[in-house]
């Protein structure tokens, strides 16, 4: 099966280990097109940045996405995405693909203090209504006894597998234009 996954990686500690997710979804038949937020791009290792099928830079044409995965999704990216702020390449792609009726999974890596911020529930509600499948941050993120943040990449990949297997297109609605 030749499917293309647009994987958006944000600057949270689990991004340092995104290679394991890339290999897992590649084995499941996905061609991975990795996009990183500007800070996350400085964190990524060479294998993650140059996995087969990855465009090398923004000037390369992006393949058509069959699904979108945002992992780890940060407080900053989730709030900007929900508000339609497209101030970097990754957010521009997310803004465009939100309306594309694709299976979209977001795996937040957001600590409780930020989840308690009033913007977070509004943003997650907006994204959920738009069709994004948001994982529970407590289910996917844990802390080691040493205080390091770890991510359940298997849960993330399994959710992507499940959602892409069961995704049904949203019914198309007629949009009114100004003046109607």
N, C-alpha and C. Protein backbone atom coordinates (compact mmCIF):
# COMPACT_ATOMS: atom_id res chain seq x y z
N UNK A 1 0.85 -1.17 0.00
CA UNK A 1 0.00 0.00 0.00
C UNK A 1 0.90 1.24 0.00
N UNK A 2 0.60 2.20 -0.84
CA UNK A 2 1.41 3.39 -0.98
C UNK A 2 0.65 4.59 -0.44
N UNK A 3 0.76 4.82 0.87
CA UNK A 3 0.05 5.92 1.53
C UNK A 3 1.07 6.94 2.02
N UNK A 4 0.67 8.21 2.01
CA UNK A 4 1.56 9.27 2.47
C UNK A 4 1.03 9.88 3.75
N UNK A 5 1.89 9.90 4.75
CA UNK A 5 1.58 10.50 6.04
C UNK A 5 2.36 11.79 6.17
N UNK A 6 1.65 12.87 6.44
CA UNK A 6 2.31 14.12 6.79
C UNK A 6 2.46 14.11 8.31
N UNK A 7 3.69 13.98 8.77
CA UNK A 7 4.01 13.94 10.19
C UNK A 7 4.57 15.28 10.60
N UNK A 8 3.84 15.99 11.46
CA UNK A 8 4.29 17.29 11.96
C UNK A 8 4.85 17.08 13.36
N UNK A 9 6.10 17.46 13.53
CA UNK A 9 6.80 17.29 14.81
C UNK A 9 7.01 18.67 15.43
N UNK A 10 6.60 18.80 16.69
CA UNK A 10 6.75 20.05 17.43
C UNK A 10 7.84 19.92 18.49
N UNK A 11 8.30 21.04 19.00
CA UNK A 11 9.42 21.08 19.94
C UNK A 11 8.99 20.74 21.36
N UNK A 12 8.85 19.47 21.62
CA UNK A 12 8.63 18.93 22.96
C UNK A 12 9.62 17.78 23.11
N UNK A 13 10.00 17.44 24.33
CA UNK A 13 11.04 16.41 24.53
C UNK A 13 10.85 15.12 23.73
N UNK A 14 9.63 14.59 23.56
CA UNK A 14 9.51 13.36 22.77
C UNK A 14 9.98 13.49 21.32
N UNK A 15 10.07 14.69 20.80
CA UNK A 15 10.55 14.88 19.43
C UNK A 15 11.95 14.30 19.24
N UNK A 16 12.71 14.23 20.32
CA UNK A 16 14.06 13.69 20.24
C UNK A 16 14.07 12.21 19.88
N UNK A 17 12.92 11.55 20.05
CA UNK A 17 12.83 10.11 19.79
C UNK A 17 11.80 9.78 18.70
N UNK A 18 11.50 10.75 17.84
CA UNK A 18 10.49 10.54 16.80
C UNK A 18 10.94 9.50 15.78
N UNK A 19 12.24 9.21 15.72
CA UNK A 19 12.72 8.17 14.79
C UNK A 19 11.98 6.85 14.98
N UNK A 20 11.69 6.51 16.24
CA UNK A 20 11.00 5.23 16.48
C UNK A 20 9.60 5.23 15.87
N UNK A 21 8.91 6.36 15.91
CA UNK A 21 7.60 6.46 15.27
C UNK A 21 7.74 6.40 13.76
N UNK A 22 8.72 7.11 13.22
CA UNK A 22 8.92 7.11 11.77
C UNK A 22 9.15 5.69 11.27
N UNK A 23 9.98 4.93 11.95
CA UNK A 23 10.24 3.55 11.54
C UNK A 23 8.98 2.69 11.67
N UNK A 24 8.22 2.88 12.74
CA UNK A 24 7.00 2.09 12.98
C UNK A 24 5.97 2.32 11.87
N UNK A 25 5.71 3.59 11.54
CA UNK A 25 4.69 3.85 10.52
C UNK A 25 5.21 3.50 9.12
N UNK A 26 6.50 3.62 8.92
CA UNK A 26 7.08 3.21 7.63
C UNK A 26 6.88 1.71 7.44
N UNK A 27 7.09 0.93 8.50
CA UNK A 27 6.86 -0.52 8.43
C UNK A 27 5.40 -0.86 8.18
N UNK A 28 4.49 0.03 8.60
CA UNK A 28 3.06 -0.19 8.40
C UNK A 28 2.61 0.26 7.01
N UNK A 29 3.55 0.66 6.16
CA UNK A 29 3.21 0.98 4.79
C UNK A 29 3.06 2.46 4.48
N UNK A 30 3.46 3.32 5.38
CA UNK A 30 3.36 4.75 5.14
C UNK A 30 4.66 5.31 4.58
N UNK A 31 4.53 6.18 3.59
CA UNK A 31 5.63 7.04 3.18
C UNK A 31 5.51 8.28 4.06
N UNK A 32 6.56 8.62 4.77
CA UNK A 32 6.49 9.70 5.75
C UNK A 32 7.06 10.98 5.16
N UNK A 33 6.24 12.02 5.20
CA UNK A 33 6.67 13.37 4.82
C UNK A 33 6.75 14.15 6.13
N UNK A 34 7.95 14.37 6.62
CA UNK A 34 8.13 14.99 7.93
C UNK A 34 8.23 16.50 7.79
N UNK A 35 7.41 17.17 8.61
CA UNK A 35 7.45 18.63 8.71
C UNK A 35 7.72 18.94 10.17
N UNK A 36 8.57 19.88 10.43
CA UNK A 36 8.88 20.24 11.81
C UNK A 36 8.66 21.72 12.02
N UNK A 37 8.22 22.06 13.24
CA UNK A 37 8.17 23.47 13.59
C UNK A 37 9.61 23.98 13.62
N UNK A 38 9.82 25.27 13.53
CA UNK A 38 11.20 25.78 13.46
C UNK A 38 12.11 25.29 14.59
N UNK A 39 11.65 25.31 15.82
CA UNK A 39 12.50 24.84 16.92
C UNK A 39 12.70 23.34 16.85
N UNK A 40 11.65 22.59 16.56
CA UNK A 40 11.78 21.13 16.47
C UNK A 40 12.78 20.74 15.39
N UNK A 41 12.83 21.50 14.32
CA UNK A 41 13.77 21.19 13.23
C UNK A 41 15.21 21.20 13.70
N UNK A 42 15.50 22.02 14.69
CA UNK A 42 16.88 22.07 15.21
C UNK A 42 17.17 20.90 16.13
N UNK A 43 16.14 20.22 16.60
CA UNK A 43 16.30 19.09 17.53
C UNK A 43 16.43 17.76 16.82
N UNK A 44 15.91 17.66 15.59
CA UNK A 44 15.81 16.36 14.94
C UNK A 44 17.17 15.81 14.54
N UNK A 45 17.28 14.50 14.67
CA UNK A 45 18.51 13.82 14.30
C UNK A 45 18.55 13.62 12.80
N UNK A 46 19.68 13.31 12.28
CA UNK A 46 19.84 13.09 10.85
C UNK A 46 18.92 11.99 10.32
N UNK A 47 18.78 10.82 11.00
CA UNK A 47 17.88 9.80 10.44
C UNK A 47 16.45 10.29 10.29
N UNK A 48 15.92 11.01 11.28
CA UNK A 48 14.54 11.48 11.18
C UNK A 48 14.39 12.49 10.05
N UNK A 49 15.38 13.33 9.87
CA UNK A 49 15.29 14.36 8.84
C UNK A 49 15.48 13.80 7.44
N UNK A 50 16.15 12.66 7.30
CA UNK A 50 16.46 12.14 5.97
C UNK A 50 15.96 10.73 5.74
N UNK A 51 14.89 10.37 6.40
CA UNK A 51 14.24 9.08 6.17
C UNK A 51 13.82 9.02 4.70
N UNK A 52 13.90 7.84 4.06
CA UNK A 52 13.48 7.76 2.67
C UNK A 52 12.06 8.32 2.48
N UNK A 53 11.90 9.11 1.47
CA UNK A 53 10.61 9.70 1.18
C UNK A 53 10.43 11.08 1.74
N UNK A 54 11.33 11.53 2.60
CA UNK A 54 11.21 12.87 3.16
C UNK A 54 11.75 13.89 2.19
N UNK A 55 10.99 14.92 1.90
CA UNK A 55 11.58 16.03 1.17
C UNK A 55 12.69 16.66 2.01
N UNK A 56 13.71 17.16 1.37
CA UNK A 56 14.85 17.71 2.10
C UNK A 56 14.62 19.12 2.59
N UNK A 57 13.79 19.88 1.90
CA UNK A 57 13.50 21.23 2.36
C UNK A 57 12.17 21.68 1.77
N UNK A 58 11.76 22.90 2.14
CA UNK A 58 10.46 23.39 1.73
C UNK A 58 10.33 23.62 0.23
N UNK A 59 11.44 23.73 -0.47
CA UNK A 59 11.36 23.95 -1.91
C UNK A 59 10.96 22.69 -2.67
N UNK A 60 11.11 21.52 -2.05
CA UNK A 60 10.68 20.28 -2.68
C UNK A 60 9.15 20.20 -2.65
N UNK A 61 8.54 19.72 -3.71
CA UNK A 61 7.08 19.60 -3.69
C UNK A 61 6.63 18.56 -2.66
N UNK A 62 5.57 18.90 -1.95
CA UNK A 62 5.04 17.98 -0.95
C UNK A 62 4.11 16.98 -1.62
N UNK A 63 4.21 15.71 -1.24
CA UNK A 63 3.27 14.73 -1.79
C UNK A 63 1.88 14.94 -1.20
N UNK A 64 0.87 14.47 -1.90
CA UNK A 64 -0.50 14.56 -1.40
C UNK A 64 -0.63 13.70 -0.16
N UNK A 65 -1.21 14.25 0.89
CA UNK A 65 -1.37 13.54 2.15
C UNK A 65 -2.58 12.62 2.12
N UNK A 66 -2.41 11.43 2.69
CA UNK A 66 -3.53 10.52 2.93
C UNK A 66 -3.97 10.58 4.38
N UNK A 67 -3.10 11.07 5.25
CA UNK A 67 -3.40 11.25 6.67
C UNK A 67 -2.39 12.24 7.25
N UNK A 68 -2.74 12.79 8.41
CA UNK A 68 -1.89 13.76 9.09
C UNK A 68 -1.74 13.31 10.54
N UNK A 69 -0.51 13.41 11.04
CA UNK A 69 -0.22 13.10 12.44
C UNK A 69 0.62 14.23 13.00
N UNK A 70 0.18 14.81 14.11
CA UNK A 70 0.94 15.85 14.79
C UNK A 70 1.40 15.25 16.11
N UNK A 71 2.70 15.00 16.22
CA UNK A 71 3.22 14.32 17.41
C UNK A 71 4.70 14.62 17.58
N UNK A 72 5.10 15.07 18.72
CA UNK A 72 4.28 15.57 19.81
C UNK A 72 3.69 16.94 19.44
N UNK A 73 2.46 17.16 19.83
CA UNK A 73 1.78 18.43 19.57
C UNK A 73 1.91 19.30 20.82
N UNK A 74 2.45 20.49 20.65
CA UNK A 74 2.67 21.37 21.79
C UNK A 74 1.50 22.32 22.01
N UNK A 75 1.47 22.91 23.19
CA UNK A 75 0.50 23.94 23.56
C UNK A 75 0.49 25.04 22.50
N UNK A 76 1.66 25.51 22.14
CA UNK A 76 1.81 26.59 21.18
C UNK A 76 1.21 26.21 19.82
N UNK A 77 1.59 25.06 19.31
CA UNK A 77 1.11 24.65 17.99
C UNK A 77 -0.39 24.38 17.99
N UNK A 78 -0.90 23.71 19.00
CA UNK A 78 -2.34 23.43 19.05
C UNK A 78 -3.16 24.72 19.07
N UNK A 79 -2.73 25.70 19.89
CA UNK A 79 -3.47 26.96 19.97
C UNK A 79 -3.38 27.76 18.68
N UNK A 80 -2.20 27.82 18.08
CA UNK A 80 -2.06 28.54 16.82
C UNK A 80 -2.86 27.86 15.71
N UNK A 81 -2.79 26.55 15.64
CA UNK A 81 -3.51 25.79 14.62
C UNK A 81 -5.00 26.05 14.72
N UNK A 82 -5.54 25.97 15.93
CA UNK A 82 -6.97 26.18 16.13
C UNK A 82 -7.39 27.60 15.76
N UNK A 83 -6.51 28.56 16.00
CA UNK A 83 -6.82 29.96 15.70
C UNK A 83 -6.55 30.33 14.24
N UNK A 84 -6.00 29.40 13.47
CA UNK A 84 -5.71 29.68 12.08
C UNK A 84 -4.45 30.49 11.86
N UNK A 85 -3.58 30.51 12.85
CA UNK A 85 -2.31 31.24 12.72
C UNK A 85 -1.33 30.34 12.00
N UNK A 86 -0.87 30.79 10.86
CA UNK A 86 0.02 29.99 10.02
C UNK A 86 1.34 30.73 9.84
N UNK A 87 2.06 30.90 10.94
CA UNK A 87 3.28 31.72 10.90
C UNK A 87 4.56 30.92 10.69
N UNK A 88 4.43 29.65 10.36
CA UNK A 88 5.58 28.86 9.93
C UNK A 88 5.08 27.79 8.95
N UNK A 89 6.00 27.12 8.30
CA UNK A 89 5.62 26.16 7.26
C UNK A 89 4.74 25.03 7.81
N UNK A 90 5.10 24.47 8.96
CA UNK A 90 4.32 23.37 9.53
C UNK A 90 2.89 23.81 9.82
N UNK A 91 2.72 24.98 10.42
CA UNK A 91 1.37 25.47 10.72
C UNK A 91 0.60 25.81 9.45
N UNK A 92 1.27 26.31 8.44
CA UNK A 92 0.59 26.59 7.17
C UNK A 92 0.02 25.32 6.56
N UNK A 93 0.81 24.26 6.59
CA UNK A 93 0.35 22.97 6.07
C UNK A 93 -0.81 22.44 6.91
N UNK A 94 -0.69 22.52 8.24
CA UNK A 94 -1.77 22.06 9.11
C UNK A 94 -3.06 22.84 8.86
N UNK A 95 -2.95 24.15 8.70
CA UNK A 95 -4.13 24.97 8.46
C UNK A 95 -4.83 24.55 7.17
N UNK A 96 -4.05 24.30 6.15
CA UNK A 96 -4.62 23.89 4.87
C UNK A 96 -5.24 22.50 4.95
N UNK A 97 -4.56 21.57 5.59
CA UNK A 97 -5.04 20.19 5.62
C UNK A 97 -6.22 19.99 6.57
N UNK A 98 -6.44 20.93 7.47
CA UNK A 98 -7.58 20.80 8.38
C UNK A 98 -8.90 20.77 7.61
N UNK A 99 -8.93 21.43 6.48
CA UNK A 99 -10.14 21.46 5.66
C UNK A 99 -10.16 20.38 4.59
N UNK A 100 -9.18 19.50 4.57
CA UNK A 100 -9.04 18.54 3.47
C UNK A 100 -9.79 17.23 3.69
N UNK A 101 -10.48 17.09 4.79
CA UNK A 101 -11.25 15.88 5.09
C UNK A 101 -10.37 14.63 5.09
N UNK A 102 -9.24 14.73 5.77
CA UNK A 102 -8.33 13.61 5.94
C UNK A 102 -8.38 13.12 7.37
N UNK A 103 -7.98 11.88 7.62
CA UNK A 103 -7.81 11.46 9.01
C UNK A 103 -6.65 12.26 9.62
N UNK A 104 -6.91 12.91 10.75
CA UNK A 104 -5.90 13.72 11.43
C UNK A 104 -5.85 13.31 12.89
N UNK A 105 -4.65 12.96 13.35
CA UNK A 105 -4.43 12.61 14.75
C UNK A 105 -3.45 13.62 15.33
N UNK A 106 -3.75 14.10 16.54
CA UNK A 106 -2.82 14.97 17.27
C UNK A 106 -2.56 14.33 18.62
N UNK A 107 -1.29 14.19 18.96
CA UNK A 107 -0.88 13.59 20.23
C UNK A 107 -0.21 14.68 21.06
N UNK A 108 -0.99 15.33 21.94
CA UNK A 108 -0.45 16.45 22.71
C UNK A 108 0.59 16.03 23.75
N UNK A 109 1.60 16.84 23.85
CA UNK A 109 2.58 16.76 24.93
C UNK A 109 2.48 18.10 25.63
N UNK A 110 1.50 18.20 26.52
CA UNK A 110 1.18 19.46 27.18
C UNK A 110 1.01 19.20 28.67
N UNK A 111 1.81 19.88 29.48
CA UNK A 111 1.72 19.66 30.92
C UNK A 111 0.42 20.24 31.47
N UNK A 112 0.03 19.75 32.64
CA UNK A 112 -1.26 20.10 33.24
C UNK A 112 -1.42 21.61 33.42
N UNK A 113 -0.39 22.30 33.84
CA UNK A 113 -0.50 23.75 34.05
C UNK A 113 -0.93 24.46 32.77
N UNK A 114 -0.43 24.02 31.63
CA UNK A 114 -0.83 24.63 30.35
C UNK A 114 -2.21 24.14 29.91
N UNK A 115 -2.57 22.93 30.25
CA UNK A 115 -3.93 22.45 29.92
C UNK A 115 -4.98 23.21 30.71
N UNK A 116 -4.58 23.78 31.85
CA UNK A 116 -5.49 24.58 32.67
C UNK A 116 -5.64 26.01 32.15
N UNK A 117 -4.82 26.41 31.21
CA UNK A 117 -4.91 27.74 30.61
C UNK A 117 -6.22 27.83 29.84
N UNK A 118 -6.93 28.95 29.91
CA UNK A 118 -8.24 29.04 29.23
C UNK A 118 -8.20 28.84 27.72
N UNK A 119 -7.08 29.09 27.08
CA UNK A 119 -7.02 28.91 25.62
C UNK A 119 -7.02 27.44 25.22
N UNK A 120 -6.46 26.58 26.06
CA UNK A 120 -6.29 25.18 25.67
C UNK A 120 -7.62 24.45 25.43
N UNK A 121 -8.59 24.51 26.37
CA UNK A 121 -9.84 23.80 26.08
C UNK A 121 -10.59 24.36 24.87
N UNK A 122 -10.50 25.67 24.66
CA UNK A 122 -11.14 26.25 23.47
C UNK A 122 -10.49 25.71 22.20
N UNK A 123 -9.17 25.67 22.21
CA UNK A 123 -8.45 25.21 21.02
C UNK A 123 -8.69 23.73 20.74
N UNK A 124 -8.64 22.91 21.77
CA UNK A 124 -8.87 21.48 21.55
C UNK A 124 -10.31 21.22 21.10
N UNK A 125 -11.24 22.01 21.62
CA UNK A 125 -12.64 21.88 21.17
C UNK A 125 -12.75 22.24 19.68
N UNK A 126 -12.14 23.35 19.30
CA UNK A 126 -12.18 23.78 17.90
C UNK A 126 -11.60 22.71 16.98
N UNK A 127 -10.46 22.16 17.36
CA UNK A 127 -9.82 21.14 16.53
C UNK A 127 -10.65 19.85 16.48
N UNK A 128 -11.24 19.47 17.60
CA UNK A 128 -12.07 18.26 17.63
C UNK A 128 -13.30 18.43 16.73
N UNK A 129 -13.94 19.57 16.83
CA UNK A 129 -15.11 19.84 15.98
C UNK A 129 -14.72 19.82 14.51
N UNK A 130 -13.50 20.25 14.21
CA UNK A 130 -13.02 20.25 12.82
C UNK A 130 -12.61 18.86 12.34
N UNK A 131 -12.65 17.87 13.23
CA UNK A 131 -12.37 16.50 12.82
C UNK A 131 -11.05 15.92 13.27
N UNK A 132 -10.29 16.66 14.07
CA UNK A 132 -9.01 16.16 14.58
C UNK A 132 -9.28 15.18 15.72
N UNK A 133 -8.63 14.04 15.66
CA UNK A 133 -8.71 13.06 16.75
C UNK A 133 -7.57 13.39 17.72
N UNK A 134 -7.93 13.93 18.89
CA UNK A 134 -6.94 14.31 19.89
C UNK A 134 -6.77 13.20 20.91
N UNK A 135 -5.55 12.76 21.08
CA UNK A 135 -5.27 11.78 22.12
C UNK A 135 -5.22 12.46 23.48
N UNK A 136 -5.51 11.71 24.52
CA UNK A 136 -5.41 12.22 25.89
C UNK A 136 -3.93 12.38 26.23
N UNK A 137 -3.50 13.59 26.60
CA UNK A 137 -2.08 13.78 26.93
C UNK A 137 -1.60 12.86 28.04
N UNK A 138 -2.47 12.54 29.00
CA UNK A 138 -2.07 11.65 30.09
C UNK A 138 -1.89 10.21 29.62
N UNK A 139 -2.57 9.84 28.55
CA UNK A 139 -2.43 8.47 28.03
C UNK A 139 -1.16 8.29 27.22
N UNK A 140 -0.69 9.36 26.62
CA UNK A 140 0.45 9.25 25.71
C UNK A 140 1.76 9.76 26.31
N UNK A 141 1.68 10.62 27.32
CA UNK A 141 2.87 11.22 27.91
C UNK A 141 3.04 10.74 29.35
N UNK A 142 4.25 10.33 29.67
CA UNK A 142 4.57 9.96 31.06
C UNK A 142 5.90 10.59 31.44
N UNK A 143 6.15 10.61 32.73
CA UNK A 143 7.44 11.10 33.24
C UNK A 143 8.16 9.96 33.92
N UNK A 144 9.44 9.85 33.64
CA UNK A 144 10.26 8.84 34.31
C UNK A 144 10.57 9.33 35.72
N UNK A 145 11.03 8.43 36.60
CA UNK A 145 11.41 8.86 37.95
C UNK A 145 12.47 9.98 37.93
N UNK A 146 13.25 10.03 36.86
CA UNK A 146 14.28 11.07 36.73
C UNK A 146 13.69 12.38 36.21
N UNK A 147 12.40 12.39 35.89
CA UNK A 147 11.74 13.60 35.41
C UNK A 147 11.74 13.80 33.91
N UNK A 148 12.21 12.80 33.16
CA UNK A 148 12.20 12.92 31.71
C UNK A 148 10.82 12.60 31.15
N UNK A 149 10.43 13.33 30.12
CA UNK A 149 9.15 13.10 29.46
C UNK A 149 9.32 12.00 28.42
N UNK A 150 8.46 10.99 28.49
CA UNK A 150 8.46 9.92 27.49
C UNK A 150 7.10 9.90 26.79
N UNK A 151 7.08 9.28 25.64
CA UNK A 151 5.88 9.27 24.80
C UNK A 151 5.58 7.84 24.40
N UNK A 152 4.31 7.48 24.38
CA UNK A 152 3.88 6.15 23.97
C UNK A 152 3.68 6.15 22.45
N UNK A 153 4.79 5.98 21.73
CA UNK A 153 4.73 6.02 20.27
C UNK A 153 3.88 4.88 19.72
N UNK A 154 3.82 3.75 20.41
CA UNK A 154 2.98 2.63 19.94
C UNK A 154 1.50 3.02 19.97
N UNK A 155 1.07 3.70 21.04
CA UNK A 155 -0.31 4.17 21.12
C UNK A 155 -0.60 5.17 20.01
N UNK A 156 0.32 6.06 19.76
CA UNK A 156 0.15 7.04 18.69
C UNK A 156 0.00 6.34 17.34
N UNK A 157 0.88 5.40 17.04
CA UNK A 157 0.83 4.67 15.77
C UNK A 157 -0.44 3.82 15.67
N UNK A 158 -0.83 3.18 16.76
CA UNK A 158 -2.05 2.35 16.75
C UNK A 158 -3.29 3.22 16.51
N UNK A 159 -3.32 4.40 17.09
CA UNK A 159 -4.44 5.31 16.88
C UNK A 159 -4.51 5.74 15.42
N UNK A 160 -3.36 6.04 14.84
CA UNK A 160 -3.31 6.39 13.42
C UNK A 160 -3.84 5.23 12.58
N UNK A 161 -3.38 4.02 12.87
CA UNK A 161 -3.85 2.83 12.13
C UNK A 161 -5.36 2.68 12.23
N UNK A 162 -5.89 2.79 13.46
CA UNK A 162 -7.33 2.64 13.67
C UNK A 162 -8.12 3.72 12.94
N UNK A 163 -7.68 4.95 13.07
CA UNK A 163 -8.42 6.05 12.46
C UNK A 163 -8.40 5.97 10.94
N UNK A 164 -7.28 5.62 10.37
CA UNK A 164 -7.22 5.54 8.90
C UNK A 164 -8.02 4.36 8.37
N UNK A 165 -8.17 3.34 9.17
CA UNK A 165 -8.97 2.18 8.75
C UNK A 165 -10.47 2.50 8.82
N UNK A 166 -10.87 3.37 9.75
CA UNK A 166 -12.30 3.62 9.97
C UNK A 166 -12.76 5.00 9.52
N UNK A 167 -11.86 5.80 8.96
CA UNK A 167 -12.21 7.18 8.59
C UNK A 167 -13.30 7.21 7.54
N UNK A 168 -14.32 8.00 7.83
CA UNK A 168 -15.38 8.23 6.85
C UNK A 168 -15.40 9.71 6.52
N UNK A 169 -15.46 10.03 5.25
CA UNK A 169 -15.48 11.44 4.88
C UNK A 169 -16.65 12.18 5.53
N UNK A 170 -16.39 13.42 5.91
CA UNK A 170 -17.45 14.25 6.47
C UNK A 170 -18.44 14.59 5.36
N UNK A 171 -19.72 14.70 5.72
CA UNK A 171 -20.67 15.14 4.70
C UNK A 171 -20.32 16.56 4.27
N UNK A 172 -20.36 16.79 2.98
CA UNK A 172 -20.04 18.12 2.47
C UNK A 172 -21.22 19.04 2.72
N UNK A 173 -20.90 20.23 3.18
CA UNK A 173 -21.94 21.23 3.40
C UNK A 173 -21.76 22.35 2.40
N UNK A 174 -22.84 23.00 2.10
CA UNK A 174 -22.77 24.15 1.21
C UNK A 174 -22.36 25.35 2.04
N UNK A 175 -21.28 25.97 1.63
CA UNK A 175 -20.81 27.15 2.35
C UNK A 175 -21.41 28.39 1.69
N UNK A 176 -21.87 29.25 2.54
CA UNK A 176 -22.41 30.51 2.04
C UNK A 176 -21.27 31.48 1.84
N UNK A 177 -21.39 32.28 0.84
CA UNK A 177 -20.39 33.31 0.60
C UNK A 177 -20.96 34.65 1.01
N UNK A 178 -20.09 35.62 1.16
CA UNK A 178 -20.53 36.96 1.52
C UNK A 178 -21.50 37.44 0.45
N UNK A 179 -22.63 37.94 0.89
CA UNK A 179 -23.63 38.44 -0.04
C UNK A 179 -24.77 37.47 -0.27
N UNK A 180 -24.63 36.21 0.16
CA UNK A 180 -25.73 35.23 -0.02
C UNK A 180 -26.83 35.49 0.99
